[in-house]
Amino acid sequence: MTNLFRQGALQGTKPGDAFFIRCDETTTTQDDIHSGVFNIIVGFAPLKPAEFVLIRIQQLAGQTNVSATRGAGVGIKPGVERSEAPGTPREK
């Protein structure tokens, strides 16, 4: 992500404005850990479209799930989730 920022592919004047990667107690609870679940959220602001894109990665024992959400803010837009597969957004 830092390389993309340096190449000018992301918005912002510093890396912290352009992207974040969250992988801590706010994404993965102790119950998740005990269940073999690991959650990562990657957010970035590409030059176009002019909105923040969030990608949620969930590693389950033996498999991985990825979903993406586009929104104007840095929080996850509640209720709408879009998978990497083409199609329309679906309600949770």
PDB file of N, CA and C in Angstrom:
ATOM      1  N   MET A   1       0.829  -1.177   0.000  1.00  0.00           N
ATOM      2  CA  MET A   1       0.000   0.000   0.000  1.00  0.00           C
ATOM      3  C   MET A   1       0.882   1.252   0.000  1.00  0.00           C
ATOM      4  N   THR A   2       1.966   1.196   0.752  1.00  0.00           N
ATOM      5  CA  THR A   2       2.868   2.355   0.783  1.00  0.00           C
ATOM      6  C   THR A   2       3.436   2.623  -0.596  1.00  0.00           C
ATOM      7  N   ASN A   3       3.801   1.576  -1.319  1.00  0.00           N
ATOM      8  CA  ASN A   3       4.315   1.774  -2.679  1.00  0.00           C
ATOM      9  C   ASN A   3       3.269   2.386  -3.590  1.00  0.00           C
ATOM     10  N   LEU A   4       2.021   1.940  -3.488  1.00  0.00           N
ATOM     11  CA  LEU A   4       0.948   2.545  -4.286  1.00  0.00           C
ATOM     12  C   LEU A   4       0.777   4.019  -3.941  1.00  0.00           C
ATOM     13  N   PHE A   5       0.865   4.346  -2.653  1.00  0.00           N
ATOM     14  CA  PHE A   5       0.772   5.744  -2.237  1.00  0.00           C
ATOM     15  C   PHE A   5       1.906   6.561  -2.851  1.00  0.00           C
ATOM     16  N   ARG A   6       3.119   6.042  -2.761  1.00  0.00           N
ATOM     17  CA  ARG A   6       4.285   6.749  -3.318  1.00  0.00           C
ATOM     18  C   ARG A   6       4.198   6.918  -4.831  1.00  0.00           C
ATOM     19  N   GLN A   7       3.533   5.976  -5.500  1.00  0.00           N
ATOM     20  CA  GLN A   7       3.376   6.059  -6.943  1.00  0.00           C
ATOM     21  C   GLN A   7       2.240   7.003  -7.347  1.00  0.00           C
ATOM     22  N   GLY A   8       1.511   7.535  -6.362  1.00  0.00           N
ATOM     23  CA  GLY A   8       0.432   8.479  -6.652  1.00  0.00           C
ATOM     24  C   GLY A   8      -0.904   7.839  -6.968  1.00  0.00           C
ATOM     25  N   ALA A   9      -1.072   6.561  -6.643  1.00  0.00           N
ATOM     26  CA  ALA A   9      -2.323   5.865  -6.946  1.00  0.00           C
ATOM     27  C   ALA A   9      -3.414   6.115  -5.912  1.00  0.00           C
ATOM     28  N   LEU A  10      -3.050   6.676  -4.753  1.00  0.00           N
ATOM     29  CA  LEU A  10      -4.007   6.899  -3.677  1.00  0.00           C
ATOM     30  C   LEU A  10      -4.097   8.379  -3.338  1.00  0.00           C
ATOM     31  N   GLN A  11      -5.245   8.775  -2.787  1.00  0.00           N
ATOM     32  CA  GLN A  11      -5.449  10.149  -2.346  1.00  0.00           C
ATOM     33  C   GLN A  11      -4.719  10.397  -1.030  1.00  0.00           C
ATOM     34  N   GLY A  12      -4.569  11.650  -0.669  1.00  0.00           N
ATOM     35  CA  GLY A  12      -3.999  12.007   0.623  1.00  0.00           C
ATOM     36  C   GLY A  12      -2.594  12.567   0.508  1.00  0.00           C
ATOM     37  N   THR A  13      -2.206  13.301   1.542  1.00  0.00           N
ATOM     38  CA  THR A  13      -0.872  13.898   1.555  1.00  0.00           C
ATOM     39  C   THR A  13       0.119  13.069   2.355  1.00  0.00           C
ATOM     40  N   LYS A  14      -0.388  12.099   3.113  1.00  0.00           N
ATOM     41  CA  LYS A  14       0.471  11.188   3.866  1.00  0.00           C
ATOM     42  C   LYS A  14      -0.176   9.807   3.869  1.00  0.00           C
ATOM     43  N   PRO A  15       0.621   8.749   4.078  1.00  0.00           N
ATOM     44  CA  PRO A  15       0.058   7.398   4.014  1.00  0.00           C
ATOM     45  C   PRO A  15      -1.149   7.181   4.923  1.00  0.00           C
ATOM     46  N   GLY A  16      -1.157   7.768   6.112  1.00  0.00           N
ATOM     47  CA  GLY A  16      -2.279   7.604   7.028  1.00  0.00           C
ATOM     48  C   GLY A  16      -3.587   8.173   6.502  1.00  0.00           C
ATOM     49  N   ASP A  17      -3.515   9.119   5.572  1.00  0.00           N
ATOM     50  CA  ASP A  17      -4.718   9.660   4.937  1.00  0.00           C
ATOM     51  C   ASP A  17      -5.168   8.787   3.770  1.00  0.00           C
ATOM     52  N   ALA A  18      -4.235   8.040   3.204  1.00  0.00           N
ATOM     53  CA  ALA A  18      -4.496   7.280   1.988  1.00  0.00           C
ATOM     54  C   ALA A  18      -4.996   5.864   2.244  1.00  0.00           C
ATOM     55  N   PHE A  19      -4.546   5.244   3.338  1.00  0.00           N
ATOM     56  CA  PHE A  19      -4.937   3.862   3.593  1.00  0.00           C
ATOM     57  C   PHE A  19      -4.736   3.499   5.055  1.00  0.00           C
ATOM     58  N   PHE A  20      -5.364   2.385   5.444  1.00  0.00           N
ATOM     59  CA  PHE A  20      -5.111   1.800   6.762  1.00  0.00           C
ATOM     60  C   PHE A  20      -5.286   0.294   6.662  1.00  0.00           C
ATOM     61  N   ILE A  21      -4.650  -0.406   7.556  1.00  0.00           N
ATOM     62  CA  ILE A  21      -4.813  -1.851   7.688  1.00  0.00           C
ATOM     63  C   ILE A  21      -5.077  -2.103   9.167  1.00  0.00           C
ATOM     64  N   ARG A  22      -6.233  -2.674   9.460  1.00  0.00           N
ATOM     65  CA  ARG A  22      -6.621  -2.888  10.850  1.00  0.00           C
ATOM     66  C   ARG A  22      -6.708  -4.384  11.126  1.00  0.00           C
ATOM     67  N   CYS A  23      -5.950  -4.802  12.115  1.00  0.00           N
ATOM     68  CA  CYS A  23      -5.926  -6.208  12.510  1.00  0.00           C
ATOM     69  C   CYS A  23      -5.591  -6.241  13.999  1.00  0.00           C
ATOM     70  N   ASP A  24      -6.607  -6.070  14.811  1.00  0.00           N
ATOM     71  CA  ASP A  24      -6.398  -6.000  16.253  1.00  0.00           C
ATOM     72  C   ASP A  24      -7.677  -6.415  16.965  1.00  0.00           C
ATOM     73  N   GLU A  25      -7.807  -6.048  18.232  1.00  0.00           N
ATOM     74  CA  GLU A  25      -8.989  -6.440  18.998  1.00  0.00           C
ATOM     75  C   GLU A  25     -10.275  -5.790  18.487  1.00  0.00           C
ATOM     76  N   THR A  26     -10.171  -4.763  17.648  1.00  0.00           N
ATOM     77  CA  THR A  26     -11.380  -4.155  17.076  1.00  0.00           C
ATOM     78  C   THR A  26     -11.908  -4.957  15.895  1.00  0.00           C
ATOM     79  N   THR A  27     -11.084  -5.825  15.307  1.00  0.00           N
ATOM     80  CA  THR A  27     -11.526  -6.644  14.174  1.00  0.00           C
ATOM     81  C   THR A  27     -11.684  -8.112  14.534  1.00  0.00           C
ATOM     82  N   THR A  28     -10.933  -8.577  15.520  1.00  0.00           N
ATOM     83  CA  THR A  28     -10.963  -9.984  15.908  1.00  0.00           C
ATOM     84  C   THR A  28     -11.137 -10.082  17.419  1.00  0.00           C
ATOM     85  N   THR A  29     -12.266 -10.632  17.846  1.00  0.00           N
ATOM     86  CA  THR A  29     -12.536 -10.769  19.275  1.00  0.00           C
ATOM     87  C   THR A  29     -11.837 -12.017  19.826  1.00  0.00           C
ATOM     88  N   GLN A  30     -11.805 -12.138  21.130  1.00  0.00           N
ATOM     89  CA  GLN A  30     -11.232 -13.327  21.752  1.00  0.00           C
ATOM     90  C   GLN A  30     -12.019 -14.573  21.364  1.00  0.00           C
ATOM     91  N   ASP A  31     -13.351 -14.441  21.251  1.00  0.00           N
ATOM     92  CA  ASP A  31     -14.174 -15.564  20.797  1.00  0.00           C
ATOM     93  C   ASP A  31     -13.796 -15.981  19.377  1.00  0.00           C
ATOM     94  N   ASP A  32     -13.524 -14.988  18.500  1.00  0.00           N
ATOM     95  CA  ASP A  32     -13.073 -15.294  17.140  1.00  0.00           C
ATOM     96  C   ASP A  32     -11.786 -16.111  17.177  1.00  0.00           C
ATOM     97  N   ILE A  33     -10.842 -15.670  17.991  1.00  0.00           N
ATOM     98  CA  ILE A  33      -9.550 -16.352  18.089  1.00  0.00           C
ATOM     99  C   ILE A  33      -9.748 -17.794  18.535  1.00  0.00           C
ATOM    100  N   HIS A  34     -10.580 -17.999  19.550  1.00  0.00           N
ATOM    101  CA  HIS A  34     -10.846 -19.355  20.038  1.00  0.00           C
ATOM    102  C   HIS A  34     -11.540 -20.217  18.982  1.00  0.00           C
ATOM    103  N   SER A  35     -12.285 -19.565  18.082  1.00  0.00           N
ATOM    104  CA  SER A  35     -12.991 -20.293  17.021  1.00  0.00           C
ATOM    105  C   SER A  35     -12.143 -20.455  15.762  1.00  0.00           C
ATOM    106  N   GLY A  36     -10.919 -19.939  15.779  1.00  0.00           N
ATOM    107  CA  GLY A  36     -10.050 -20.051  14.609  1.00  0.00           C
ATOM    108  C   GLY A  36     -10.346 -19.036  13.532  1.00  0.00           C
ATOM    109  N   VAL A  37     -10.884 -17.876  13.919  1.00  0.00           N
ATOM    110  CA  VAL A  37     -11.233 -16.817  12.977  1.00  0.00           C
ATOM    111  C   VAL A  37     -10.262 -15.665  13.146  1.00  0.00           C
ATOM    112  N   PHE A  38      -9.810 -15.101  12.030  1.00  0.00           N
ATOM    113  CA  PHE A  38      -8.875 -13.975  12.021  1.00  0.00           C
ATOM    114  C   PHE A  38      -9.409 -12.952  11.037  1.00  0.00           C
ATOM    115  N   ASN A  39      -9.658 -11.714  11.469  1.00  0.00           N
ATOM    116  CA  ASN A  39     -10.265 -10.675  10.630  1.00  0.00           C
ATOM    117  C   ASN A  39      -9.299  -9.524  10.383  1.00  0.00           C
ATOM    118  N   ILE A  40      -9.251  -9.069   9.145  1.00  0.00           N
ATOM    119  CA  ILE A  40      -8.428  -7.927   8.743  1.00  0.00           C
ATOM    120  C   ILE A  40      -9.318  -6.989   7.947  1.00  0.00           C
ATOM    121  N   ILE A  41      -9.187  -5.684   8.171  1.00  0.00           N
ATOM    122  CA  ILE A  41      -9.875  -4.690   7.357  1.00  0.00           C
ATOM    123  C   ILE A  41      -8.823  -3.792   6.731  1.00  0.00           C
ATOM    124  N   VAL A  42      -8.887  -3.663   5.409  1.00  0.00           N
ATOM    125  CA  VAL A  42      -7.989  -2.784   4.660  1.00  0.00           C
ATOM    126  C   VAL A  42      -8.854  -1.696   4.045  1.00  0.00           C
ATOM    127  N   GLY A  43      -8.510  -0.448   4.308  1.00  0.00           N
ATOM    128  CA  GLY A  43      -9.230   0.678   3.730  1.00  0.00           C
ATOM    129  C   GLY A  43      -8.266   1.534   2.939  1.00  0.00           C
ATOM    130  N   PHE A  44      -8.706   2.012   1.778  1.00  0.00           N
ATOM    131  CA  PHE A  44      -7.845   2.876   0.984  1.00  0.00           C
ATOM    132  C   PHE A  44      -8.680   3.835   0.160  1.00  0.00           C
ATOM    133  N   ALA A  45      -8.055   4.941  -0.213  1.00  0.00           N
ATOM    134  CA  ALA A  45      -8.724   5.991  -0.979  1.00  0.00           C
ATOM    135  C   ALA A  45      -8.055   6.111  -2.347  1.00  0.00           C
ATOM    136  N   PRO A  46      -8.560   5.379  -3.354  1.00  0.00           N
ATOM    137  CA  PRO A  46      -7.977   5.497  -4.687  1.00  0.00           C
ATOM    138  C   PRO A  46      -8.292   6.863  -5.294  1.00  0.00           C
ATOM    139  N   LEU A  47      -7.531   7.245  -6.296  1.00  0.00           N
ATOM    140  CA  LEU A  47      -7.789   8.524  -6.946  1.00  0.00           C
ATOM    141  C   LEU A  47      -9.184   8.567  -7.542  1.00  0.00           C
ATOM    142  N   LYS A  48      -9.644   7.478  -8.137  1.00  0.00           N
ATOM    143  CA  LYS A  48     -10.985   7.389  -8.708  1.00  0.00           C
ATOM    144  C   LYS A  48     -11.542   6.025  -8.374  1.00  0.00           C
ATOM    145  N   PRO A  49     -12.746   5.833  -7.955  1.00  0.00           N
ATOM    146  CA  PRO A  49     -13.683   6.875  -7.586  1.00  0.00           C
ATOM    147  C   PRO A  49     -13.234   7.573  -6.314  1.00  0.00           C
ATOM    148  N   ALA A  50     -13.806   8.696  -6.041  1.00  0.00           N
ATOM    149  CA  ALA A  50     -13.369   9.532  -4.922  1.00  0.00           C
ATOM    150  C   ALA A  50     -14.054   9.145  -3.618  1.00  0.00           C
ATOM    151  N   GLU A  51     -14.039   7.879  -3.292  1.00  0.00           N
ATOM    152  CA  GLU A  51     -14.581   7.435  -2.016  1.00  0.00           C
ATOM    153  C   GLU A  51     -13.687   6.346  -1.442  1.00  0.00           C
ATOM    154  N   PHE A  52     -13.751   6.168  -0.152  1.00  0.00           N
ATOM    155  CA  PHE A  52     -12.926   5.173   0.516  1.00  0.00           C
ATOM    156  C   PHE A  52     -13.440   3.781   0.174  1.00  0.00           C
ATOM    157  N   VAL A  53     -12.541   2.851  -0.069  1.00  0.00           N
ATOM    158  CA  VAL A  53     -12.890   1.462  -0.343  1.00  0.00           C
ATOM    159  C   VAL A  53     -12.402   0.630   0.838  1.00  0.00           C
ATOM    160  N   LEU A  54     -13.272  -0.225   1.346  1.00  0.00           N
ATOM    161  CA  LEU A  54     -12.925  -1.099   2.466  1.00  0.00           C
ATOM    162  C   LEU A  54     -12.988  -2.541   2.010  1.00  0.00           C
ATOM    163  N   ILE A  55     -11.959  -3.290   2.355  1.00  0.00           N
ATOM    164  CA  ILE A  55     -11.924  -4.720   2.050  1.00  0.00           C
ATOM    165  C   ILE A  55     -11.801  -5.457   3.374  1.00  0.00           C
ATOM    166  N   ARG A  56     -12.726  -6.355   3.593  1.00  0.00           N
ATOM    167  CA  ARG A  56     -12.716  -7.149   4.811  1.00  0.00           C
ATOM    168  C   ARG A  56     -12.251  -8.559   4.453  1.00  0.00           C
ATOM    169  N   ILE A  57     -11.206  -9.026   5.112  1.00  0.00           N
ATOM    170  CA  ILE A  57     -10.670 -10.357   4.886  1.00  0.00           C
ATOM    171  C   ILE A  57     -10.888 -11.154   6.163  1.00  0.00           C
ATOM    172  N   GLN A  58     -11.465 -12.323   5.998  1.00  0.00           N
ATOM    173  CA  GLN A  58     -11.696 -13.184   7.156  1.00  0.00           C
ATOM    174  C   GLN A  58     -11.060 -14.537   6.880  1.00  0.00           C
ATOM    175  N   GLN A  59     -10.094 -14.882   7.698  1.00  0.00           N
ATOM    176  CA  GLN A  59      -9.424 -16.186   7.585  1.00  0.00           C
ATOM    177  C   GLN A  59     -10.071 -17.135   8.579  1.00  0.00           C
ATOM    178  N   LEU A  60     -10.686 -18.173   8.068  1.00  0.00           N
ATOM    179  CA  LEU A  60     -11.242 -19.227   8.893  1.00  0.00           C
ATOM    180  C   LEU A  60     -10.302 -20.408   8.785  1.00  0.00           C
ATOM    181  N   ALA A  61     -10.327 -21.288   9.720  1.00  0.00           N
ATOM    182  CA  ALA A  61      -9.465 -22.465   9.659  1.00  0.00           C
ATOM    183  C   ALA A  61      -9.650 -23.158   8.312  1.00  0.00           C
ATOM    184  N   GLY A  62      -8.644 -23.068   7.437  1.00  0.00           N
ATOM    185  CA  GLY A  62      -8.679 -23.747   6.148  1.00  0.00           C
ATOM    186  C   GLY A  62      -9.312 -22.994   5.001  1.00  0.00           C
ATOM    187  N   GLN A  63      -9.798 -21.779   5.205  1.00  0.00           N
ATOM    188  CA  GLN A  63     -10.420 -21.030   4.109  1.00  0.00           C
ATOM    189  C   GLN A  63     -10.306 -19.536   4.338  1.00  0.00           C
ATOM    190  N   THR A  64     -10.576 -18.741   3.286  1.00  0.00           N
ATOM    191  CA  THR A  64     -10.519 -17.286   3.373  1.00  0.00           C
ATOM    192  C   THR A  64     -11.745 -16.692   2.703  1.00  0.00           C
ATOM    193  N   ASN A  65     -12.366 -15.686   3.323  1.00  0.00           N
ATOM    194  CA  ASN A  65     -13.487 -14.952   2.748  1.00  0.00           C
ATOM    195  C   ASN A  65     -13.079 -13.495   2.594  1.00  0.00           C
ATOM    196  N   VAL A  66     -13.441 -12.890   1.462  1.00  0.00           N
ATOM    197  CA  VAL A  66     -13.111 -11.492   1.214  1.00  0.00           C
ATOM    198  C   VAL A  66     -14.375 -10.779   0.770  1.00  0.00           C
ATOM    199  N   SER A  67     -14.622  -9.595   1.329  1.00  0.00           N
ATOM    200  CA  SER A  67     -15.724  -8.762   0.866  1.00  0.00           C
ATOM    201  C   SER A  67     -15.247  -7.328   0.789  1.00  0.00           C
ATOM    202  N   ALA A  68     -15.860  -6.548  -0.087  1.00  0.00           N
ATOM    203  CA  ALA A  68     -15.465  -5.158  -0.275  1.00  0.00           C
ATOM    204  C   ALA A  68     -16.680  -4.262  -0.121  1.00  0.00           C
ATOM    205  N   THR A  69     -16.461  -3.091   0.426  1.00  0.00           N
ATOM    206  CA  THR A  69     -17.510  -2.092   0.608  1.00  0.00           C
ATOM    207  C   THR A  69     -16.959  -0.750   0.182  1.00  0.00           C
ATOM    208  N   ARG A  70     -17.724   0.013  -0.575  1.00  0.00           N
ATOM    209  CA  ARG A  70     -17.305   1.364  -0.919  1.00  0.00           C
ATOM    210  C   ARG A  70     -18.170   2.341  -0.154  1.00  0.00           C
ATOM    211  N   GLY A  71     -17.560   3.366   0.410  1.00  0.00           N
ATOM    212  CA  GLY A  71     -18.308   4.364   1.162  1.00  0.00           C
ATOM    213  C   GLY A  71     -17.509   5.636   1.296  1.00  0.00           C
ATOM    214  N   ALA A  72     -18.158   6.687   1.683  1.00  0.00           N
ATOM    215  CA  ALA A  72     -17.505   7.984   1.770  1.00  0.00           C
ATOM    216  C   ALA A  72     -16.644   8.134   3.013  1.00  0.00           C
ATOM    217  N   GLY A  73     -16.916   7.351   4.055  1.00  0.00           N
ATOM    218  CA  GLY A  73     -16.173   7.497   5.300  1.00  0.00           C
ATOM    219  C   GLY A  73     -15.189   6.372   5.514  1.00  0.00           C
ATOM    220  N   VAL A  74     -14.523   6.397   6.645  1.00  0.00           N
ATOM    221  CA  VAL A  74     -13.555   5.349   6.939  1.00  0.00           C
ATOM    222  C   VAL A  74     -14.177   4.196   7.706  1.00  0.00           C
ATOM    223  N   GLY A  75     -15.410   4.330   8.141  1.00  0.00           N
ATOM    224  CA  GLY A  75     -16.086   3.234   8.824  1.00  0.00           C
ATOM    225  C   GLY A  75     -16.721   2.310   7.808  1.00  0.00           C
ATOM    226  N   ILE A  76     -17.039   1.117   8.230  1.00  0.00           N
ATOM    227  CA  ILE A  76     -17.699   0.188   7.324  1.00  0.00           C
ATOM    228  C   ILE A  76     -19.153   0.586   7.204  1.00  0.00           C
ATOM    229  N   LYS A  77     -19.627   0.716   5.997  1.00  0.00           N
ATOM    230  CA  LYS A  77     -21.008   1.087   5.739  1.00  0.00           C
ATOM    231  C   LYS A  77     -21.905  -0.065   6.188  1.00  0.00           C
ATOM    232  N   PRO A  78     -22.739   0.155   7.197  1.00  0.00           N
ATOM    233  CA  PRO A  78     -23.531  -0.942   7.743  1.00  0.00           C
ATOM    234  C   PRO A  78     -24.595  -1.435   6.772  1.00  0.00           C
ATOM    235  N   GLY A  79     -24.799  -2.750   6.768  1.00  0.00           N
ATOM    236  CA  GLY A  79     -25.908  -3.323   6.031  1.00  0.00           C
ATOM    237  C   GLY A  79     -25.634  -3.680   4.588  1.00  0.00           C
ATOM    238  N   VAL A  80     -24.575  -3.179   3.972  1.00  0.00           N
ATOM    239  CA  VAL A  80     -24.304  -3.487   2.574  1.00  0.00           C
ATOM    240  C   VAL A  80     -22.921  -4.087   2.476  1.00  0.00           C
ATOM    241  N   GLU A  81     -22.857  -5.218   1.825  1.00  0.00           N
ATOM    242  CA  GLU A  81     -21.586  -5.914   1.658  1.00  0.00           C
ATOM    243  C   GLU A  81     -21.516  -6.389   0.219  1.00  0.00           C
ATOM    244  N   ARG A  82     -20.356  -6.272  -0.395  1.00  0.00           N
ATOM    245  CA  ARG A  82     -20.213  -6.740  -1.762  1.00  0.00           C
ATOM    246  C   ARG A  82     -19.019  -7.671  -1.840  1.00  0.00           C
ATOM    247  N   SER A  83     -19.216  -8.827  -2.424  1.00  0.00           N
ATOM    248  CA  SER A  83     -18.112  -9.759  -2.569  1.00  0.00           C
ATOM    249  C   SER A  83     -17.266  -9.343  -3.764  1.00  0.00           C
ATOM    250  N   GLU A  84     -16.123  -9.991  -3.931  1.00  0.00           N
ATOM    251  CA  GLU A  84     -15.253  -9.707  -5.054  1.00  0.00           C
ATOM    252  C   GLU A  84     -15.875 -10.160  -6.374  1.00  0.00           C
ATOM    253  N   ALA A  85     -16.847 -11.051  -6.319  1.00  0.00           N
ATOM    254  CA  ALA A  85     -17.511 -11.502  -7.529  1.00  0.00           C
ATOM    255  C   ALA A  85     -18.404 -10.394  -8.060  1.00  0.00           C
ATOM    256  N   PRO A  86     -18.533 -10.274  -9.390  1.00  0.00           N
ATOM    257  CA  PRO A  86     -19.393  -9.227  -9.948  1.00  0.00           C
ATOM    258  C   PRO A  86     -20.843  -9.426  -9.524  1.00  0.00           C
ATOM    259  N   GLY A  87     -21.563  -8.337  -9.436  1.00  0.00           N
ATOM    260  CA  GLY A  87     -22.963  -8.409  -9.062  1.00  0.00           C
ATOM    261  C   GLY A  87     -23.350  -7.189  -8.263  1.00  0.00           C
ATOM    262  N   THR A  88     -24.569  -7.190  -7.824  1.00  0.00           N
ATOM    263  CA  THR A  88     -25.055  -6.053  -7.061  1.00  0.00           C
ATOM    264  C   THR A  88     -24.805  -6.257  -5.593  1.00  0.00           C
ATOM    265  N   PRO A  89     -24.737  -5.163  -4.823  1.00  0.00           N
ATOM    266  CA  PRO A  89     -24.546  -5.313  -3.375  1.00  0.00           C
ATOM    267  C   PRO A  89     -25.680  -6.121  -2.767  1.00  0.00           C
ATOM    268  N   ARG A  90     -25.382  -6.860  -1.732  1.00  0.00           N
ATOM    269  CA  ARG A  90     -26.406  -7.632  -1.061  1.00  0.00           C
ATOM    270  C   ARG A  90     -26.518  -7.206   0.383  1.00  0.00           C
ATOM    271  N   GLU A  91     -27.710  -7.288   0.919  1.00  0.00           N
ATOM    272  CA  GLU A  91     -27.923  -6.962   2.323  1.00  0.00           C
ATOM    273  C   GLU A  91     -27.367  -8.064   3.179  1.00  0.00           C
ATOM    274  N   LYS A  92     -26.818  -7.700   4.348  1.00  0.00           N
ATOM    275  CA  LYS A  92     -26.312  -8.694   5.292  1.00  0.00           C
ATOM    276  C   LYS A  92     -27.469  -9.435   5.940  1.00  0.00           C
TER     277      LYS A  92
END
